[in-house]
Protein backbone atom coordinates (compact mmCIF):
# COMPACT_ATOMS: atom_id res chain seq x y z
CA MET A 1 0.00 0.00 0.00
CA SER A 2 1.05 3.60 -0.47
CA ILE A 3 0.49 7.01 1.06
CA VAL A 4 1.15 10.48 -0.35
CA ILE A 5 1.94 13.39 1.99
CA ASN A 6 1.64 16.85 0.47
CA GLY A 7 3.80 19.32 2.37
CA GLY A 8 7.39 18.76 3.45
CA GLY A 9 7.54 21.23 6.31
CA MET A 10 7.92 19.99 9.86
CA THR A 11 4.50 18.37 9.98
CA GLY A 12 4.72 16.43 6.73
CA ALA A 13 8.36 15.41 7.13
CA ILE A 14 7.86 14.13 10.69
CA LEU A 15 4.75 12.21 9.59
CA ALA A 16 6.82 10.53 6.85
CA LEU A 17 9.54 9.57 9.35
CA MET A 18 7.08 8.29 11.92
CA LEU A 19 5.26 6.14 9.37
CA SER A 20 8.58 4.85 8.05
CA LYS A 21 9.63 3.73 11.53
CA LEU A 22 6.29 2.17 12.47
CA THR A 23 5.68 0.32 9.21
CA LYS A 24 9.32 -0.84 8.77
CA GLY A 25 9.30 -0.56 5.00
CA ASP A 26 5.91 -2.20 4.46
CA LEU A 27 4.30 1.09 3.38
CA GLU A 28 5.35 3.13 0.33
CA ILE A 29 5.62 6.77 1.42
CA SER A 30 5.80 9.72 -0.99
CA LEU A 31 6.50 13.24 0.28
CA ILE A 32 5.79 16.24 -1.98
CA GLU A 33 7.26 19.66 -1.17
CA GLN A 34 7.31 22.83 -3.25
CA HIS A 35 10.32 24.62 -1.71
CA SER A 36 13.73 23.09 -1.18
CA PRO A 37 15.16 23.62 2.33
CA TYR A 38 18.64 23.93 0.84
CA CYS A 39 18.14 27.30 -0.83
CA TYR A 40 17.43 29.63 2.07
CA ASN A 41 19.79 32.23 0.69
CA THR A 42 17.78 32.70 -2.48
CA LYS A 43 15.15 35.40 -2.73
CA LEU A 44 12.35 32.86 -3.29
CA SER A 45 13.18 30.74 -0.27
CA SER A 46 13.72 33.75 1.97
CA ASN A 47 10.21 34.90 1.20
CA ALA A 48 8.70 31.43 1.51
CA TYR A 49 10.46 30.47 4.74
CA PRO A 50 11.48 33.48 6.85
CA PRO A 51 13.45 32.66 10.01
CA HIS A 52 11.05 31.13 12.49
CA VAL A 53 10.94 29.05 15.63
CA ILE A 54 8.45 26.90 17.50
CA ALA A 55 8.10 26.13 21.18
CA LEU A 56 8.02 22.38 21.68
CA SER A 57 6.58 20.88 24.86
CA ARG A 58 8.69 18.43 26.84
CA GLY A 59 6.33 15.59 25.97
CA ALA A 60 6.39 16.43 22.26
CA TYR A 61 10.19 16.56 22.27
CA PHE A 62 10.50 13.06 23.69
CA GLU A 63 7.90 11.78 21.23
CA LEU A 64 10.31 12.85 18.48
CA ILE A 65 13.23 11.21 20.28
CA ARG A 66 11.36 7.90 19.91
CA ILE A 67 11.71 8.12 16.12
CA ASN A 68 15.48 8.56 16.33
CA MET A 69 15.51 12.34 15.91
CA ALA A 70 17.79 13.09 18.87
CA PRO A 71 20.81 14.12 16.70
CA ILE A 72 18.65 16.49 14.66
CA LEU A 73 16.93 18.06 17.65
CA SER A 74 20.15 18.56 19.62
CA SER A 75 21.61 20.59 16.76
CA CYS A 76 18.80 23.15 16.56
CA SER A 77 17.09 23.29 19.97
CA THR A 78 17.45 25.55 22.98
CA ILE A 79 16.24 24.50 26.42
CA ILE A 80 13.53 26.46 28.23
CA LYS A 81 14.37 26.38 31.93
CA GLN A 82 12.00 29.05 33.21
CA VAL A 83 8.81 30.73 32.02
CA GLU A 84 7.60 34.12 33.26
CA VAL A 85 3.99 35.13 32.57
CA SER A 86 2.82 38.69 33.31
CA GLU A 87 0.48 41.43 32.18
CA TYR A 88 1.64 44.87 31.01
CA HIS A 89 1.34 47.53 33.76
CA ARG A 90 0.21 44.89 36.30
CA LEU A 91 2.23 43.70 39.29
CA ASN A 92 1.27 40.03 39.46
CA LYS A 93 3.50 37.53 37.69
CA ILE A 94 3.77 33.76 37.40
CA PHE A 95 7.21 32.13 37.50
CA ILE A 96 7.51 28.49 36.46
CA ASP A 97 10.98 27.04 36.99
CA ALA A 98 12.02 23.54 35.91
CA GLN A 99 14.12 23.07 39.06
CA ASP A 100 11.01 23.44 41.24
CA TYR A 101 9.69 20.25 39.65
CA GLN A 102 13.00 18.32 39.59
CA LEU A 103 13.18 18.62 35.82
CA PRO A 104 16.12 19.63 33.62
CA GLU A 105 13.81 21.63 31.31
CA LEU A 106 10.22 22.71 30.70
CA GLY A 107 10.38 22.60 26.92
CA TYR A 108 12.47 23.48 23.89
CA VAL A 109 12.71 26.14 21.22
CA ILE A 110 13.38 24.70 17.75
CA GLU A 111 14.94 26.79 14.97
CA LEU A 112 13.01 25.69 11.91
CA ASP A 113 15.40 26.61 9.11
CA ILE A 114 18.18 24.44 10.61
CA PHE A 115 15.75 21.70 11.62
CA ARG A 116 14.18 21.44 8.16
CA LYS A 117 17.50 21.02 6.35
CA LYS A 118 18.68 18.30 8.70
CA LEU A 119 15.28 16.61 8.55
CA PHE A 120 15.49 16.43 4.75
CA ASP A 121 19.00 14.99 5.00
CA PHE A 122 17.60 12.32 7.29
CA LEU A 123 14.67 11.63 4.96
CA HIS A 124 16.89 11.17 1.92
CA ASN A 125 18.57 8.28 3.73
CA LYS A 126 15.26 6.50 4.24
CA SER A 127 14.72 3.98 1.46
CA THR A 128 11.00 3.76 2.29
CA VAL A 129 10.41 7.50 1.77
CA THR A 130 10.50 9.01 -1.73
CA VAL A 131 10.91 12.79 -1.65
CA TYR A 132 9.67 14.90 -4.57
CA CYS A 133 11.19 18.34 -4.10
CA PRO A 134 10.81 20.87 -5.56
CA ALA A 135 7.45 19.66 -6.86
CA THR A 136 3.81 20.76 -6.87
CA LEU A 137 0.46 19.15 -7.51
CA LYS A 138 -0.78 19.48 -11.08
CA LYS A 139 -3.81 17.20 -11.04
CA ILE A 140 -5.65 14.95 -8.57
CA LYS A 141 -7.99 12.19 -9.63
CA ARG A 142 -9.92 10.56 -6.79
CA GLU A 143 -11.17 7.12 -7.66
CA LYS A 144 -13.10 4.63 -5.55
CA LYS A 145 -10.08 2.53 -4.59
CA ASN A 146 -7.16 4.89 -5.26
CA ASN A 147 -5.97 8.45 -5.66
CA ILE A 148 -3.99 9.38 -8.76
CA ILE A 149 -1.71 12.37 -8.24
CA VAL A 150 0.04 14.05 -11.14
CA LEU A 151 2.98 16.36 -10.33
CA ASN A 152 4.05 19.45 -12.24
CA ASN A 153 6.71 17.36 -14.04
CA ASP A 154 3.91 14.96 -15.15
CA HIS A 155 5.15 12.20 -12.84
CA GLN A 156 2.20 10.10 -11.63
CA ILE A 157 1.73 8.59 -8.17
CA VAL A 158 -1.02 6.16 -7.22
CA SER A 159 -1.94 5.98 -3.53
CA LYS A 160 -4.56 4.64 -1.16
CA LEU A 161 -4.41 7.72 1.06
CA MET A 162 -3.44 11.37 0.68
CA VAL A 163 -2.50 13.53 3.67
CA ALA A 164 -2.74 17.32 3.56
CA ALA A 165 0.22 18.60 5.59
CA ASP A 166 0.74 21.75 3.54
CA GLY A 167 -0.36 24.38 6.04
CA ALA A 168 -3.27 26.69 6.71
CA ASP A 169 -3.92 27.40 3.03
CA SER A 170 -3.67 23.75 2.04
CA THR A 171 -3.67 23.38 -1.73
CA LEU A 172 -4.45 19.68 -1.55
CA ALA A 173 -7.37 20.08 0.85
CA ALA A 174 -8.84 23.01 -1.10
CA ASN A 175 -8.60 21.07 -4.37
CA CYS A 176 -10.53 18.25 -2.69
CA GLY A 177 -13.36 20.59 -1.71
CA MET A 178 -12.56 20.94 2.00
CA GLN A 179 -13.93 24.01 3.78
CA TRP A 180 -12.82 25.88 6.89
CA PHE A 181 -14.30 28.02 9.63
CA ARG A 182 -12.26 31.23 9.74
CA TRP A 183 -12.07 33.94 12.39
CA ASN A 184 -10.00 37.10 11.97
CA TYR A 185 -8.51 38.18 15.31
CA GLN A 186 -7.68 41.57 13.80
CA GLN A 187 -4.18 41.18 15.16
CA ILE A 188 -0.76 41.07 13.51
CA ALA A 189 2.21 39.04 14.75
CA VAL A 190 5.55 40.80 14.34
CA VAL A 191 8.39 38.27 14.54
CA SER A 192 12.11 38.89 14.60
CA LYS A 193 15.39 37.64 16.00
CA ILE A 194 16.79 39.93 18.69
CA THR A 195 19.90 40.22 20.84
CA THR A 196 19.97 41.63 24.36
CA GLU A 197 22.53 42.91 26.84
CA ILE A 198 21.86 40.16 29.42
CA PRO A 199 21.94 36.47 28.37
CA HIS A 200 18.57 34.73 28.56
CA PHE A 201 19.87 31.70 30.55
CA GLY A 202 17.04 29.61 29.14
CA ARG A 203 14.28 31.98 30.23
CA ALA A 204 11.11 32.49 28.19
CA PHE A 205 8.71 35.38 28.69
CA GLU A 206 5.06 35.94 27.83
CA LYS A 207 3.55 39.33 28.57
CA PHE A 208 -0.08 40.19 27.87
CA THR A 209 -0.42 43.71 26.51
CA GLU A 210 -3.39 45.89 25.63
CA TYR A 211 -3.53 44.66 22.02
CA GLY A 212 -2.15 41.13 22.28
CA PRO A 213 0.57 38.93 23.83
CA LEU A 214 4.29 39.49 23.53
CA ALA A 215 6.55 36.44 23.75
CA ILE A 216 10.34 36.24 23.87
CA LEU A 217 11.85 32.78 23.48
CA PRO A 218 15.47 31.71 24.08
CA MET A 219 17.64 30.76 21.10
CA ALA A 220 21.22 29.59 20.56
CA ASN A 221 24.17 31.97 21.04
CA ASP A 222 22.16 34.03 23.55
CA SER A 223 19.86 35.38 20.87
CA SER A 224 16.11 35.48 21.45
CA PHE A 225 13.07 35.23 19.22
CA LEU A 226 10.35 37.87 19.43
CA ILE A 227 6.66 37.31 18.72
CA TRP A 228 4.81 40.59 19.32
CA CYS A 229 1.07 40.61 18.62
CA ILE A 230 -0.37 44.03 17.86
CA SER A 231 -3.67 45.38 16.57
CA ASP A 232 -4.00 45.28 12.79
CA LYS A 233 -4.67 49.04 12.99
CA GLN A 234 -1.11 49.48 14.31
CA LYS A 235 0.55 47.63 11.45
CA LYS A 236 0.93 50.66 9.19
CA GLU A 237 2.61 52.68 11.94
CA VAL A 238 4.82 49.87 13.29
CA SER A 239 6.01 48.88 9.81
CA THR A 240 7.42 52.41 9.32
CA TRP A 241 9.56 52.28 12.46
CA ASN A 242 13.27 51.96 11.90
CA ARG A 243 15.22 49.50 14.05
CA ASP A 244 16.08 52.03 16.75
CA LYS A 245 12.47 53.17 17.09
CA PHE A 246 11.23 49.57 17.14
CA ALA A 247 13.80 48.61 19.79
CA GLN A 248 12.82 51.61 21.92
CA GLU A 249 9.09 50.79 21.76
CA LEU A 250 9.76 47.10 22.48
CA GLN A 251 11.92 48.08 25.45
CA ASN A 252 9.10 50.21 26.84
CA VAL A 253 6.64 47.31 26.68
CA PHE A 254 8.89 44.38 27.61
CA GLY A 255 11.06 46.14 30.18
CA TRP A 256 14.67 45.50 31.21
CA LYS A 257 14.64 41.86 32.31
CA LEU A 258 17.23 41.08 29.62
CA GLY A 259 18.93 44.47 29.83
CA LYS A 260 19.11 46.74 26.82
CA ILE A 261 17.82 45.41 23.50
CA LEU A 262 20.94 45.65 21.34
CA ASN A 263 19.79 44.54 17.91
CA ILE A 264 16.60 43.81 15.98
CA GLY A 265 16.78 41.48 12.98
CA LYS A 266 14.58 41.62 9.92
CA ARG A 267 10.92 41.87 10.91
CA TYR A 268 8.09 39.82 9.42
CA PHE A 269 4.37 40.56 9.74
CA TYR A 270 1.65 37.88 9.83
CA ASP A 271 -2.12 38.26 9.98
CA LEU A 272 -3.54 36.17 12.83
CA TRP A 273 -6.54 33.97 12.16
CA LEU A 274 -8.19 30.98 13.74
CA THR A 275 -8.96 28.41 11.06
CA ARG A 276 -10.55 25.04 11.63
CA ALA A 277 -11.52 22.53 8.96
CA ASN A 278 -15.20 21.62 9.03
CA SER A 279 -14.09 18.01 8.64
CA HIS A 280 -10.59 16.58 9.00
CA ILE A 281 -11.23 13.71 6.61
CA SER A 282 -12.75 13.14 3.19
CA HIS A 283 -12.62 10.40 0.57
CA ARG A 284 -9.09 8.95 0.89
CA LEU A 285 -7.89 12.19 2.44
CA ALA A 286 -6.80 13.22 5.96
CA LEU A 287 -5.79 16.66 7.23
CA VAL A 288 -3.08 17.18 9.85
CA GLY A 289 -1.42 20.15 11.55
CA ASN A 290 -2.20 23.62 10.29
CA ALA A 291 -4.19 22.21 7.39
CA ALA A 292 -6.64 20.89 9.99
CA GLN A 293 -6.47 23.82 12.42
CA ASN A 294 -4.36 26.96 12.64
CA LEU A 295 -4.17 28.66 16.04
CA HIS A 296 -3.18 32.01 17.51
CA PRO A 297 0.40 31.83 18.89
CA ILE A 298 -0.69 33.04 22.37
CA ALA A 299 0.01 29.75 24.16
CA GLY A 300 2.45 28.15 21.71
CA GLN A 301 0.16 25.16 21.20
CA GLY A 302 -0.19 25.07 17.40
CA PHE A 303 2.62 22.72 16.46
CA ASN A 304 2.23 20.59 19.58
CA LEU A 305 -1.43 20.02 18.64
CA GLY A 306 -0.43 19.20 15.06
CA LEU A 307 2.19 16.73 16.27
CA ARG A 308 -0.50 14.90 18.21
CA ASP A 309 -2.45 14.65 14.93
CA ILE A 310 0.61 13.03 13.38
CA VAL A 311 1.11 10.52 16.20
CA VAL A 312 -2.52 9.37 16.14
CA LEU A 313 -2.77 9.15 12.34
CA SER A 314 0.52 7.20 12.16
CA LYS A 315 -0.65 4.64 14.70
CA ILE A 316 -4.08 4.19 13.08
CA VAL A 317 -2.62 3.81 9.57
CA THR A 318 -0.05 1.30 10.87
CA GLN A 319 -2.73 -0.73 12.66
CA ALA A 320 -4.88 -0.79 9.51
CA LEU A 321 -1.91 -1.85 7.38
CA TYR A 322 -1.12 -4.86 9.56
CA GLN A 323 -4.78 -5.79 9.83
CA ASN A 324 -4.86 -5.95 6.02
CA LEU A 325 -7.34 -3.07 5.87
CA ASP A 326 -7.44 -0.37 3.20
CA ILE A 327 -5.60 2.54 4.87
CA GLY A 328 -7.68 5.06 2.94
CA ASP A 329 -11.05 3.51 3.77
CA TYR A 330 -13.56 5.80 5.45
CA SER A 331 -13.82 3.52 8.51
CA VAL A 332 -10.07 3.88 9.11
CA LEU A 333 -10.04 7.65 8.61
CA ASN A 334 -13.11 8.09 10.80
CA ARG A 335 -11.21 6.50 13.68
CA TYR A 336 -8.56 9.20 13.26
CA GLN A 337 -11.13 12.00 13.24
CA LYS A 338 -13.03 10.68 16.26
CA HIS A 339 -9.83 10.10 18.23
CA ARG A 340 -8.60 13.64 17.63
CA HIS A 341 -11.89 15.53 18.07
CA LEU A 342 -11.79 16.14 21.85
CA ASP A 343 -8.14 17.25 22.00
CA GLN A 344 -8.52 19.54 19.00
CA CYS A 345 -11.70 21.18 20.32
CA ARG A 346 -10.30 21.57 23.84
CA THR A 347 -7.02 23.15 22.68
CA ILE A 348 -8.76 25.48 20.23
CA LYS A 349 -11.23 26.64 22.91
CA ILE A 350 -8.48 27.29 25.45
CA THR A 351 -6.30 29.20 22.99
CA ASP A 352 -9.20 31.21 21.57
CA GLY A 353 -10.47 31.95 25.07
CA LEU A 354 -7.08 33.30 26.15
CA VAL A 355 -6.95 35.62 23.13
CA ARG A 356 -10.40 37.01 23.87
CA LEU A 357 -9.78 37.27 27.63
CA PHE A 358 -6.50 39.17 27.36
CA SER A 359 -7.59 41.37 24.44
CA ASN A 360 -10.69 42.61 26.25
CA HIS A 361 -10.65 46.05 27.90
CA TYR A 362 -13.80 45.46 29.99
CA LEU A 363 -12.89 46.52 33.57
CA PRO A 364 -14.31 43.45 35.41
CA LEU A 365 -12.29 41.18 33.09
CA ILE A 366 -9.13 43.21 33.72
CA ILE A 367 -9.64 42.75 37.46
CA ALA A 368 -10.37 39.04 37.00
CA ARG A 369 -7.19 38.57 34.92
CA ASN A 370 -5.04 40.24 37.56
CA MET A 371 -6.60 38.18 40.34
CA GLY A 372 -6.19 35.03 38.24
CA LEU A 373 -2.45 35.60 37.85
CA PHE A 374 -2.20 36.24 41.60
CA PHE A 375 -4.03 33.05 42.60
CA VAL A 376 -2.15 30.85 40.11
CA ASN A 377 1.17 32.17 41.39
CA TYR A 378 0.38 31.56 45.08
CA ASN A 379 -1.92 28.52 44.95
CA VAL A 380 0.02 25.23 44.82
CA PHE A 381 -2.85 23.29 43.24
CA LEU A 382 -3.44 25.85 40.46
CA ARG A 383 0.29 26.07 39.75
CA ARG A 384 0.57 22.30 39.45
CA LEU A 385 -2.45 22.28 37.14
CA LEU A 386 -0.80 24.88 34.90
CA VAL A 387 2.56 23.10 34.88
CA SER A 388 0.84 19.78 34.15
CA SER A 389 -0.89 21.29 31.12
CA ILE A 390 2.49 22.55 29.85
CA LEU A 391 4.37 19.28 30.35
CA ASN A 392 1.79 16.58 29.71
CA TRP A 393 1.45 14.75 26.40
CA LYS A 394 -2.02 13.44 25.64
CA THR A 395 -3.42 12.59 22.20
CA ASP A 396 -7.07 12.22 23.22
């Protein structure tokens, strides 16, 4: 049997590796990706894949270790030892330190440009994974027992199952008639690499501001990664700021916990939406990661949720394969959708709720937020509940 994965970013590439390990060569795996990870210095690739990072939970990290990705992860990850959560112009803060829970770390920050190159190197050494890159979909023919995929070079692939792992604007899913619920948060994420006077020592920060959250994540060589969510009405003004002006305004909001902000890298602007597929499966098609749901970055849960999609789909496909079932049959795919429904809904509701709670200027909610931070910081039970939600790894 065979499977085609469209999208060779982190989600698609990890799915290919996980399936390769679980099925031990008994499943033909094809991975299609439009942009080569080896050409980051070209103008095209720079626009397609600007420097970016993800926060990976401790549980997600060790899930990847199980598929022999330790050498890759160690080369592009930075440990998060402490997390500070606060609200702009409010006194209450929450400090979560790994040492308080006898742990070496709370999570990891992964640099995607390095990770993706090394992941493709790893994939090319897998005889059970065929990588088509650079390549795009030209035509899809969905038959009763197979899918026929034609690439832009007219190469043809026949598969029992297609997986859309090509992001929030999934070409494959859209071509198969999938539809999404979409909600515009009317916020913009400004992301950039920054350097500061004081080393981060593995500290991550999330500060809730009037217009959206501001996160600073630790990176290698004592650099940090900035994700600053602002109102879409501010984009025009902020985009005109030079680096000195931007650094000054960031300093005013973030403060001096890392000393003076010394340098701001190239800035990228992203519109922030919540998107959720009305269905995560169709005829011989499954959606995973951002193709299934795309979240606000407020709690850093997007990729971790997508990785749980990958783990569940991999296990269900593997079980079907060894039970001599058609891996693209609706009964098999429906198991995947049912298994993932609760976790997806729960994570989306929590993330969306946090955005609405901390973007609301209604006085009673402001008071409630401040009290909430106070009680979480000083109540042992609430703190353990918060830490458990950060560290735990559940796929249902």
